[in-house]
Amino acid sequence: MSTITLRWIEEKLMMASDSNGHSVVIGRSPEQQFEWEGVKPSDLLLMSVASCSAYDVVEILVKQREPLKDLKVICHGDQNEEPPYIFTKIHLQYIVEGPVNPEKLKKAIKLSEDKYCSVINTLRPSVPFTSEFKINN
């Protein structure tokens, strides 16, 4: 079980701490309208999707002794233009550095997205997911 703590600082500025005490600033300062002082809440969701899946992919590839040198995940989310700005699609692009076997990478991504990533599997019933990967040797 995970528990986070969110503390309101002022106006629309907040601080959240995870179950291990690590913190992130969320929201914007009222003095600078539309200027974000912290992470947008909707971007936190995309960060959760990308990091959850990246964690799995790295773990799987390392266990398979694949020569992974670097991994970057770009996560794009389409949202409705009207409140409540629901995500209508999420796309993940995995960019891998190193001579990783493409079939093993494809399988690692599929395992993460279909089985292991709790964030994706929580959202999937209502949000369509797509992904792609690129390997740079």
Protein backbone atom coordinates (compact mmCIF):
# COMPACT_ATOMS: atom_id res chain seq x y z
CA MET A 1 0.00 0.00 0.00
CA SER A 2 1.25 3.49 -0.83
CA THR A 3 0.34 6.72 0.87
CA ILE A 4 1.30 10.21 -0.21
CA THR A 5 0.86 13.46 1.67
CA LEU A 6 -0.13 16.65 -0.10
CA ARG A 7 0.19 20.02 1.59
CA TRP A 8 -1.35 23.21 0.27
CA ILE A 9 1.21 26.03 0.36
CA GLU A 10 -0.72 29.00 -1.07
CA GLU A 11 -3.26 29.74 -3.79
CA LYS A 12 -2.64 26.93 -6.32
CA LEU A 13 0.78 25.89 -5.07
CA MET A 14 1.22 22.56 -3.25
CA MET A 15 3.91 20.19 -2.06
CA ALA A 16 3.46 16.42 -2.21
CA SER A 17 5.60 13.83 -0.46
CA ASP A 18 5.66 10.17 -1.32
CA SER A 19 5.62 7.28 1.13
CA ASN A 20 9.43 7.54 1.40
CA GLY A 21 9.45 11.28 2.13
CA HIS A 22 10.57 12.46 -1.33
CA SER A 23 8.87 15.69 -2.35
CA VAL A 24 7.66 17.42 -5.50
CA VAL A 25 6.27 20.94 -5.98
CA ILE A 26 2.92 21.00 -7.76
CA GLY A 27 0.97 23.88 -9.24
CA ARG A 28 1.45 27.54 -10.00
CA SER A 29 1.97 30.72 -8.11
CA PRO A 30 -0.97 33.17 -8.09
CA GLU A 31 1.30 36.16 -8.81
CA GLN A 32 2.33 34.78 -12.19
CA GLN A 33 -0.86 33.70 -13.90
CA PHE A 34 -0.23 30.74 -16.23
CA GLU A 35 3.39 30.56 -15.06
CA TRP A 36 3.95 27.16 -13.48
CA GLU A 37 6.09 27.14 -10.34
CA GLY A 38 5.79 23.39 -10.01
CA VAL A 39 4.72 20.38 -12.01
CA LYS A 40 1.25 20.41 -13.54
CA PRO A 41 -0.91 17.69 -11.95
CA SER A 42 -1.77 16.25 -15.37
CA ASP A 43 1.96 16.07 -16.23
CA LEU A 44 2.52 14.13 -13.01
CA LEU A 45 0.20 11.47 -14.40
CA LEU A 46 2.27 11.22 -17.60
CA MET A 47 5.47 11.12 -15.54
CA SER A 48 3.98 8.26 -13.53
CA VAL A 49 3.11 6.36 -16.71
CA ALA A 50 6.58 6.82 -18.21
CA SER A 51 8.54 6.07 -15.05
CA CYS A 52 6.47 3.04 -14.12
CA SER A 53 7.00 1.47 -17.52
CA ALA A 54 10.67 2.50 -17.77
CA TYR A 55 11.34 0.87 -14.40
CA ASP A 56 9.93 -2.42 -15.71
CA VAL A 57 11.68 -2.25 -19.08
CA VAL A 58 15.08 -1.57 -17.50
CA GLU A 59 14.61 -4.35 -14.96
CA ILE A 60 13.62 -6.88 -17.64
CA LEU A 61 16.47 -5.94 -19.99
CA VAL A 62 19.07 -6.03 -17.19
CA LYS A 63 17.85 -9.50 -16.13
CA GLN A 64 18.25 -10.61 -19.74
CA ARG A 65 21.79 -9.17 -19.74
CA GLU A 66 21.01 -6.89 -22.66
CA PRO A 67 23.65 -4.17 -23.27
CA LEU A 68 21.40 -1.24 -22.32
CA LYS A 69 23.37 2.00 -22.04
CA ASP A 70 20.52 4.51 -21.71
CA LEU A 71 16.75 4.75 -21.85
CA LYS A 72 14.62 7.81 -22.44
CA VAL A 73 10.83 7.67 -22.51
CA ILE A 74 8.81 10.45 -24.07
CA CYS A 75 5.18 10.30 -23.00
CA HIS A 76 2.57 12.33 -24.86
CA GLY A 77 -0.98 12.66 -23.62
CA ASP A 78 -3.91 14.04 -25.58
CA GLN A 79 -6.57 15.69 -23.43
CA ASN A 80 -10.04 17.08 -24.03
CA GLU A 81 -10.06 20.83 -24.53
CA GLU A 82 -12.89 21.33 -22.03
CA PRO A 83 -12.99 20.52 -18.30
CA PRO A 84 -12.31 18.06 -16.83
CA TYR A 85 -9.58 17.75 -19.52
CA ILE A 86 -9.75 13.95 -19.57
CA PHE A 87 -6.89 12.12 -21.24
CA THR A 88 -8.15 10.66 -24.51
CA LYS A 89 -4.92 8.94 -25.58
CA ILE A 90 -1.46 8.32 -24.18
CA HIS A 91 1.54 7.48 -26.35
CA LEU A 92 4.95 6.27 -25.13
CA GLN A 93 8.12 6.52 -27.19
CA TYR A 94 11.02 4.48 -25.80
CA ILE A 95 14.46 5.61 -27.01
CA VAL A 96 17.17 3.09 -26.19
CA GLU A 97 20.93 3.52 -26.42
CA GLY A 98 23.04 0.41 -26.92
CA PRO A 99 22.99 -2.71 -29.09
CA VAL A 100 19.84 -4.12 -27.48
CA ASN A 101 18.05 -6.97 -29.24
CA PRO A 102 14.90 -5.39 -30.77
CA GLU A 103 12.77 -8.47 -30.08
CA LYS A 104 13.77 -8.53 -26.42
CA LEU A 105 13.05 -4.81 -26.13
CA LYS A 106 9.66 -5.25 -27.78
CA LYS A 107 8.84 -8.08 -25.38
CA ALA A 108 10.01 -6.06 -22.34
CA ILE A 109 7.80 -3.13 -23.36
CA LYS A 110 4.82 -5.43 -23.93
CA LEU A 111 5.30 -7.11 -20.54
CA SER A 112 5.49 -3.74 -18.84
CA GLU A 113 2.47 -2.27 -20.59
CA ASP A 114 0.27 -5.38 -20.41
CA LYS A 115 1.29 -6.99 -17.13
CA TYR A 116 3.60 -5.15 -14.74
CA CYS A 117 3.00 -1.38 -14.88
CA SER A 118 0.30 -0.62 -12.34
CA VAL A 119 -0.19 2.93 -13.62
CA ILE A 120 -0.86 1.92 -17.22
CA ASN A 121 -3.10 -0.95 -16.18
CA THR A 122 -5.09 1.31 -13.88
CA LEU A 123 -5.68 3.84 -16.66
CA ARG A 124 -6.10 1.42 -19.57
CA PRO A 125 -9.78 0.65 -19.11
CA SER A 126 -10.64 4.24 -20.05
CA VAL A 127 -7.55 5.58 -21.87
CA PRO A 128 -6.11 4.04 -25.05
CA PHE A 129 -2.33 3.49 -25.01
CA THR A 130 0.08 3.24 -27.93
CA SER A 131 3.85 2.93 -28.00
CA GLU A 132 6.88 2.71 -30.22
CA PHE A 133 10.60 2.28 -29.73
CA LYS A 134 13.83 3.33 -31.36
CA ILE A 135 17.27 1.81 -30.79
CA ASN A 136 20.41 3.89 -31.24
CA ASN A 137 23.55 1.76 -31.25
